């Protein structure tokens, strides 16, 4: 993991981002967030990636509201 020393499990990332675990996997599969694997093969995410996911989800949820005022 390049940035940040916090290694979060996928469930912790989902909780911090306010989404379902499957959403974390989907964003990772699309290359929008990155993970590394620990020696047991579990995905680990940095706190920065969790924050990035949360911000993307917030922007996505704001889009319909922004269109109303645009």
PDB file of N, CA and C in Angstrom:
ATOM      1  N   UNK A   1       0.848  -1.167   0.000  1.00  0.00           N
ATOM      2  CA  UNK A   1       0.000   0.000   0.000  1.00  0.00           C
ATOM      3  C   UNK A   1       0.896   1.231   0.000  1.00  0.00           C
ATOM      4  N   UNK A   2       0.692   2.112  -0.927  1.00  0.00           N
ATOM      5  CA  UNK A   2       1.581   3.255  -1.094  1.00  0.00           C
ATOM      6  C   UNK A   2       1.352   4.331  -0.033  1.00  0.00           C
ATOM      7  N   UNK A   3       0.137   4.839   0.030  1.00  0.00           N
ATOM      8  CA  UNK A   3      -0.142   5.990   0.868  1.00  0.00           C
ATOM      9  C   UNK A   3      -0.932   5.563   2.092  1.00  0.00           C
ATOM     10  N   UNK A   4      -0.590   6.153   3.227  1.00  0.00           N
ATOM     11  CA  UNK A   4      -1.333   5.882   4.444  1.00  0.00           C
ATOM     12  C   UNK A   4      -0.972   4.544   5.052  1.00  0.00           C
ATOM     13  N   UNK A   5      -0.909   4.514   6.343  1.00  0.00           N
ATOM     14  CA  UNK A   5      -0.534   3.275   7.002  1.00  0.00           C
ATOM     15  C   UNK A   5      -1.739   2.509   7.508  1.00  0.00           C
ATOM     16  N   UNK A   6      -2.924   3.088   7.413  1.00  0.00           N
ATOM     17  CA  UNK A   6      -4.125   2.423   7.889  1.00  0.00           C
ATOM     18  C   UNK A   6      -4.559   1.388   6.874  1.00  0.00           C
ATOM     19  N   UNK A   7      -4.690   0.174   7.319  1.00  0.00           N
ATOM     20  CA  UNK A   7      -5.147  -0.906   6.452  1.00  0.00           C
ATOM     21  C   UNK A   7      -6.528  -1.349   6.912  1.00  0.00           C
ATOM     22  N   UNK A   8      -7.531  -0.989   6.146  1.00  0.00           N
ATOM     23  CA  UNK A   8      -8.909  -1.275   6.508  1.00  0.00           C
ATOM     24  C   UNK A   8      -9.441  -2.472   5.727  1.00  0.00           C
ATOM     25  N   UNK A   9     -10.257  -3.270   6.383  1.00  0.00           N
ATOM     26  CA  UNK A   9     -10.961  -4.349   5.700  1.00  0.00           C
ATOM     27  C   UNK A   9     -12.132  -3.764   4.912  1.00  0.00           C
ATOM     28  N   UNK A  10     -12.642  -4.528   3.967  1.00  0.00           N
ATOM     29  CA  UNK A  10     -13.701  -4.040   3.090  1.00  0.00           C
ATOM     30  C   UNK A  10     -14.942  -3.621   3.888  1.00  0.00           C
ATOM     31  N   UNK A  11     -15.292  -4.338   4.931  1.00  0.00           N
ATOM     32  CA  UNK A  11     -16.461  -3.972   5.738  1.00  0.00           C
ATOM     33  C   UNK A  11     -16.253  -2.636   6.445  1.00  0.00           C
ATOM     34  N   UNK A  12     -15.023  -2.353   6.858  1.00  0.00           N
ATOM     35  CA  UNK A  12     -14.724  -1.074   7.499  1.00  0.00           C
ATOM     36  C   UNK A  12     -14.818   0.070   6.503  1.00  0.00           C
ATOM     37  N   UNK A  13     -14.350  -0.169   5.284  1.00  0.00           N
ATOM     38  CA  UNK A  13     -14.454   0.850   4.232  1.00  0.00           C
ATOM     39  C   UNK A  13     -15.924   1.136   3.931  1.00  0.00           C
ATOM     40  N   UNK A  14     -16.718   0.085   3.815  1.00  0.00           N
ATOM     41  CA  UNK A  14     -18.146   0.259   3.539  1.00  0.00           C
ATOM     42  C   UNK A  14     -18.814   1.061   4.650  1.00  0.00           C
ATOM     43  N   UNK A  15     -18.476   0.768   5.881  1.00  0.00           N
ATOM     44  CA  UNK A  15     -19.062   1.497   7.001  1.00  0.00           C
ATOM     45  C   UNK A  15     -18.661   2.967   6.970  1.00  0.00           C
ATOM     46  N   UNK A  16     -17.393   3.243   6.746  1.00  0.00           N
ATOM     47  CA  UNK A  16     -16.924   4.628   6.683  1.00  0.00           C
ATOM     48  C   UNK A  16     -17.528   5.393   5.514  1.00  0.00           C
ATOM     49  N   UNK A  17     -17.726   4.709   4.388  1.00  0.00           N
ATOM     50  CA  UNK A  17     -18.263   5.363   3.190  1.00  0.00           C
ATOM     51  C   UNK A  17     -19.787   5.415   3.201  1.00  0.00           C
ATOM     52  N   UNK A  18     -20.406   4.669   4.094  1.00  0.00           N
ATOM     53  CA  UNK A  18     -21.864   4.663   4.167  1.00  0.00           C
ATOM     54  C   UNK A  18     -22.507   3.896   3.026  1.00  0.00           C
ATOM     55  N   UNK A  19     -21.897   2.777   2.652  1.00  0.00           N
ATOM     56  CA  UNK A  19     -22.430   1.997   1.546  1.00  0.00           C
ATOM     57  C   UNK A  19     -22.362   0.510   1.876  1.00  0.00           C
ATOM     58  N   UNK A  20     -22.802  -0.311   0.961  1.00  0.00           N
ATOM     59  CA  UNK A  20     -22.772  -1.760   1.110  1.00  0.00           C
ATOM     60  C   UNK A  20     -21.412  -2.283   0.650  1.00  0.00           C
ATOM     61  N   UNK A  21     -21.024  -3.413   1.186  1.00  0.00           N
ATOM     62  CA  UNK A  21     -19.751  -4.038   0.824  1.00  0.00           C
ATOM     63  C   UNK A  21     -19.660  -4.264  -0.683  1.00  0.00           C
ATOM     64  N   UNK A  22     -20.770  -4.651  -1.304  1.00  0.00           N
ATOM     65  CA  UNK A  22     -20.749  -4.901  -2.751  1.00  0.00           C
ATOM     66  C   UNK A  22     -20.421  -3.635  -3.534  1.00  0.00           C
ATOM     67  N   UNK A  23     -20.765  -2.482  -2.999  1.00  0.00           N
ATOM     68  CA  UNK A  23     -20.425  -1.216  -3.652  1.00  0.00           C
ATOM     69  C   UNK A  23     -18.911  -1.001  -3.635  1.00  0.00           C
ATOM     70  N   UNK A  24     -18.276  -1.339  -2.532  1.00  0.00           N
ATOM     71  CA  UNK A  24     -16.818  -1.224  -2.438  1.00  0.00           C
ATOM     72  C   UNK A  24     -16.168  -2.113  -3.489  1.00  0.00           C
ATOM     73  N   UNK A  25     -16.633  -3.363  -3.589  1.00  0.00           N
ATOM     74  CA  UNK A  25     -16.083  -4.282  -4.588  1.00  0.00           C
ATOM     75  C   UNK A  25     -16.297  -3.755  -6.010  1.00  0.00           C
ATOM     76  N   UNK A  26     -17.488  -3.203  -6.267  1.00  0.00           N
ATOM     77  CA  UNK A  26     -17.805  -2.691  -7.609  1.00  0.00           C
ATOM     78  C   UNK A  26     -16.887  -1.525  -7.986  1.00  0.00           C
ATOM     79  N   UNK A  27     -16.672  -0.593  -7.071  1.00  0.00           N
ATOM     80  CA  UNK A  27     -15.796   0.541  -7.346  1.00  0.00           C
ATOM     81  C   UNK A  27     -14.350   0.091  -7.513  1.00  0.00           C
ATOM     82  N   UNK A  28     -13.946  -0.914  -6.749  1.00  0.00           N
ATOM     83  CA  UNK A  28     -12.592  -1.442  -6.919  1.00  0.00           C
ATOM     84  C   UNK A  28     -12.445  -2.126  -8.277  1.00  0.00           C
ATOM     85  N   UNK A  29     -13.439  -2.905  -8.663  1.00  0.00           N
ATOM     86  CA  UNK A  29     -13.390  -3.605  -9.954  1.00  0.00           C
ATOM     87  C   UNK A  29     -13.292  -2.624 -11.110  1.00  0.00           C
ATOM     88  N   UNK A  30     -13.942  -1.479 -10.992  1.00  0.00           N
ATOM     89  CA  UNK A  30     -13.898  -0.448 -12.037  1.00  0.00           C
ATOM     90  C   UNK A  30     -12.617   0.372 -11.997  1.00  0.00           C
ATOM     91  N   UNK A  31     -11.785   0.129 -10.996  1.00  0.00           N
ATOM     92  CA  UNK A  31     -10.516   0.848 -10.896  1.00  0.00           C
ATOM     93  C   UNK A  31     -10.623   2.216 -10.252  1.00  0.00           C
ATOM     94  N   UNK A  32     -11.743   2.491  -9.602  1.00  0.00           N
ATOM     95  CA  UNK A  32     -11.948   3.806  -9.007  1.00  0.00           C
ATOM     96  C   UNK A  32     -11.321   3.925  -7.624  1.00  0.00           C
ATOM     97  N   UNK A  33     -11.149   2.798  -6.943  1.00  0.00           N
ATOM     98  CA  UNK A  33     -10.400   2.747  -5.694  1.00  0.00           C
ATOM     99  C   UNK A  33      -9.463   1.548  -5.770  1.00  0.00           C
ATOM    100  N   UNK A  34      -8.425   1.584  -4.944  1.00  0.00           N
ATOM    101  CA  UNK A  34      -7.411   0.520  -4.981  1.00  0.00           C
ATOM    102  C   UNK A  34      -7.312  -0.171  -3.636  1.00  0.00           C
ATOM    103  N   UNK A  35      -6.942  -1.430  -3.704  1.00  0.00           N
ATOM    104  CA  UNK A  35      -6.673  -2.188  -2.492  1.00  0.00           C
ATOM    105  C   UNK A  35      -5.369  -2.951  -2.674  1.00  0.00           C
ATOM    106  N   UNK A  36      -4.878  -3.457  -1.584  1.00  0.00           N
ATOM    107  CA  UNK A  36      -3.755  -4.387  -1.632  1.00  0.00           C
ATOM    108  C   UNK A  36      -4.221  -5.652  -0.929  1.00  0.00           C
ATOM    109  N   UNK A  37      -3.396  -6.650  -0.955  1.00  0.00           N
ATOM    110  CA  UNK A  37      -3.734  -7.909  -0.285  1.00  0.00           C
ATOM    111  C   UNK A  37      -2.747  -8.136   0.847  1.00  0.00           C
ATOM    112  N   UNK A  38      -3.269  -8.594   1.984  1.00  0.00           N
ATOM    113  CA  UNK A  38      -2.363  -8.950   3.065  1.00  0.00           C
ATOM    114  C   UNK A  38      -1.851 -10.371   2.837  1.00  0.00           C
ATOM    115  N   UNK A  39      -1.041 -10.873   3.730  1.00  0.00           N
ATOM    116  CA  UNK A  39      -0.434 -12.188   3.503  1.00  0.00           C
ATOM    117  C   UNK A  39      -1.439 -13.322   3.494  1.00  0.00           C
ATOM    118  N   UNK A  40      -2.638 -13.091   4.003  1.00  0.00           N
ATOM    119  CA  UNK A  40      -3.703 -14.101   3.970  1.00  0.00           C
ATOM    120  C   UNK A  40      -4.598 -13.963   2.749  1.00  0.00           C
ATOM    121  N   UNK A  41      -4.349 -12.957   1.919  1.00  0.00           N
ATOM    122  CA  UNK A  41      -5.136 -12.753   0.711  1.00  0.00           C
ATOM    123  C   UNK A  41      -6.331 -11.835   0.881  1.00  0.00           C
ATOM    124  N   UNK A  42      -6.500 -11.283   2.074  1.00  0.00           N
ATOM    125  CA  UNK A  42      -7.616 -10.366   2.321  1.00  0.00           C
ATOM    126  C   UNK A  42      -7.322  -9.004   1.713  1.00  0.00           C
ATOM    127  N   UNK A  43      -8.365  -8.388   1.152  1.00  0.00           N
ATOM    128  CA  UNK A  43      -8.208  -7.029   0.631  1.00  0.00           C
ATOM    129  C   UNK A  43      -8.031  -6.070   1.790  1.00  0.00           C
ATOM    130  N   UNK A  44      -7.118  -5.119   1.606  1.00  0.00           N
ATOM    131  CA  UNK A  44      -6.897  -4.064   2.593  1.00  0.00           C
ATOM    132  C   UNK A  44      -6.890  -2.728   1.860  1.00  0.00           C
ATOM    133  N   UNK A  45      -7.550  -1.750   2.444  1.00  0.00           N
ATOM    134  CA  UNK A  45      -7.682  -0.422   1.843  1.00  0.00           C
ATOM    135  C   UNK A  45      -7.080   0.619   2.771  1.00  0.00           C
ATOM    136  N   UNK A  46      -6.545   1.659   2.188  1.00  0.00           N
ATOM    137  CA  UNK A  46      -6.052   2.779   3.000  1.00  0.00           C
ATOM    138  C   UNK A  46      -7.237   3.662   3.380  1.00  0.00           C
ATOM    139  N   UNK A  47      -7.027   4.454   4.405  1.00  0.00           N
ATOM    140  CA  UNK A  47      -8.053   5.410   4.815  1.00  0.00           C
ATOM    141  C   UNK A  47      -8.332   6.391   3.679  1.00  0.00           C
ATOM    142  N   UNK A  48      -7.308   6.755   2.933  1.00  0.00           N
ATOM    143  CA  UNK A  48      -7.490   7.676   1.806  1.00  0.00           C
ATOM    144  C   UNK A  48      -8.445   7.101   0.764  1.00  0.00           C
ATOM    145  N   UNK A  49      -8.364   5.801   0.510  1.00  0.00           N
ATOM    146  CA  UNK A  49      -9.271   5.174  -0.453  1.00  0.00           C
ATOM    147  C   UNK A  49     -10.704   5.171   0.071  1.00  0.00           C
ATOM    148  N   UNK A  50     -10.870   4.972   1.375  1.00  0.00           N
ATOM    149  CA  UNK A  50     -12.210   5.016   1.970  1.00  0.00           C
ATOM    150  C   UNK A  50     -12.815   6.412   1.835  1.00  0.00           C
ATOM    151  N   UNK A  51     -11.989   7.422   2.061  1.00  0.00           N
ATOM    152  CA  UNK A  51     -12.451   8.812   1.922  1.00  0.00           C
ATOM    153  C   UNK A  51     -12.783   9.105   0.462  1.00  0.00           C
ATOM    154  N   UNK A  52     -11.953   8.628  -0.457  1.00  0.00           N
ATOM    155  CA  UNK A  52     -12.202   8.833  -1.891  1.00  0.00           C
ATOM    156  C   UNK A  52     -13.549   8.216  -2.298  1.00  0.00           C
ATOM    157  N   UNK A  53     -13.816   7.001  -1.816  1.00  0.00           N
ATOM    158  CA  UNK A  53     -15.079   6.343  -2.122  1.00  0.00           C
ATOM    159  C   UNK A  53     -16.252   7.144  -1.566  1.00  0.00           C
ATOM    160  N   UNK A  54     -16.133   7.575  -0.339  1.00  0.00           N
ATOM    161  CA  UNK A  54     -17.209   8.365   0.272  1.00  0.00           C
ATOM    162  C   UNK A  54     -17.493   9.630  -0.535  1.00  0.00           C
ATOM    163  N   UNK A  55     -16.436  10.306  -0.970  1.00  0.00           N
ATOM    164  CA  UNK A  55     -16.619  11.526  -1.766  1.00  0.00           C
ATOM    165  C   UNK A  55     -17.286  11.224  -3.101  1.00  0.00           C
ATOM    166  N   UNK A  56     -16.869  10.134  -3.756  1.00  0.00           N
ATOM    167  CA  UNK A  56     -17.503   9.768  -5.031  1.00  0.00           C
ATOM    168  C   UNK A  56     -18.979   9.470  -4.837  1.00  0.00           C
ATOM    169  N   UNK A  57     -19.303   8.770  -3.764  1.00  0.00           N
ATOM    170  CA  UNK A  57     -20.705   8.438  -3.499  1.00  0.00           C
ATOM    171  C   UNK A  57     -21.517   9.684  -3.171  1.00  0.00           C
ATOM    172  N   UNK A  58     -20.910  10.640  -2.470  1.00  0.00           N
ATOM    173  CA  UNK A  58     -21.614  11.890  -2.157  1.00  0.00           C
ATOM    174  C   UNK A  58     -21.884  12.676  -3.431  1.00  0.00           C
ATOM    175  N   UNK A  59     -20.894  12.768  -4.327  1.00  0.00           N
ATOM    176  CA  UNK A  59     -21.093  13.472  -5.589  1.00  0.00           C
ATOM    177  C   UNK A  59     -22.167  12.788  -6.416  1.00  0.00           C
ATOM    178  N   UNK A  60     -22.145  11.474  -6.421  1.00  0.00           N
ATOM    179  CA  UNK A  60     -23.140  10.731  -7.204  1.00  0.00           C
ATOM    180  C   UNK A  60     -24.550  10.979  -6.681  1.00  0.00           C
ATOM    181  N   UNK A  61     -24.706  11.031  -5.365  1.00  0.00           N
ATOM    182  CA  UNK A  61     -26.037  11.243  -4.799  1.00  0.00           C
ATOM    183  C   UNK A  61     -26.499  12.680  -4.978  1.00  0.00           C
ATOM    184  N   UNK A  62     -25.571  13.625  -5.185  1.00  0.00           N
ATOM    185  CA  UNK A  62     -25.929  15.034  -5.375  1.00  0.00           C
ATOM    186  C   UNK A  62     -26.329  15.360  -6.806  1.00  0.00           C
ATOM    187  N   UNK A  63     -25.992  14.512  -7.764  1.00  0.00           N
ATOM    188  CA  UNK A  63     -26.243  14.829  -9.169  1.00  0.00           C
ATOM    189  C   UNK A  63     -27.704  15.163  -9.474  1.00  0.00           C
ATOM    190  N   UNK A  64     -28.685  14.354  -9.060  1.00  0.00           N
ATOM    191  CA  UNK A  64     -30.073  14.693  -9.384  1.00  0.00           C
ATOM    192  C   UNK A  64     -30.494  16.034  -8.769  1.00  0.00           C
ATOM    193  N   UNK A  65     -30.030  16.318  -7.561  1.00  0.00           N
ATOM    194  CA  UNK A  65     -30.389  17.573  -6.925  1.00  0.00           C
ATOM    195  C   UNK A  65     -29.785  18.744  -7.680  1.00  0.00           C
ATOM    196  N   UNK A  66     -28.549  18.594  -8.139  1.00  0.00           N
ATOM    197  CA  UNK A  66     -27.892  19.670  -8.871  1.00  0.00           C
ATOM    198  C   UNK A  66     -28.589  19.950 -10.191  1.00  0.00           C
ATOM    199  N   UNK A  67     -29.121  18.921 -10.824  1.00  0.00           N
ATOM    200  CA  UNK A  67     -29.834  19.109 -12.088  1.00  0.00           C
ATOM    201  C   UNK A  67     -31.101  19.919 -11.895  1.00  0.00           C
ATOM    202  N   UNK A  68     -31.753  19.782 -10.745  1.00  0.00           N
ATOM    203  CA  UNK A  68     -32.968  20.548 -10.467  1.00  0.00           C
ATOM    204  C   UNK A  68     -32.679  22.046 -10.400  1.00  0.00           C
ATOM    205  N   UNK A  69     -31.517  22.394  -9.913  1.00  0.00           N
ATOM    206  CA  UNK A  69     -31.185  23.800  -9.729  1.00  0.00           C
ATOM    207  C   UNK A  69     -30.378  24.388 -10.873  1.00  0.00           C
ATOM    208  N   UNK A  70     -29.965  23.520 -11.806  1.00  0.00           N
ATOM    209  CA  UNK A  70     -29.103  23.968 -12.897  1.00  0.00           C
ATOM    210  C   UNK A  70     -29.861  24.720 -13.909  1.00  0.00           C
TER     211      UNK A  70
END
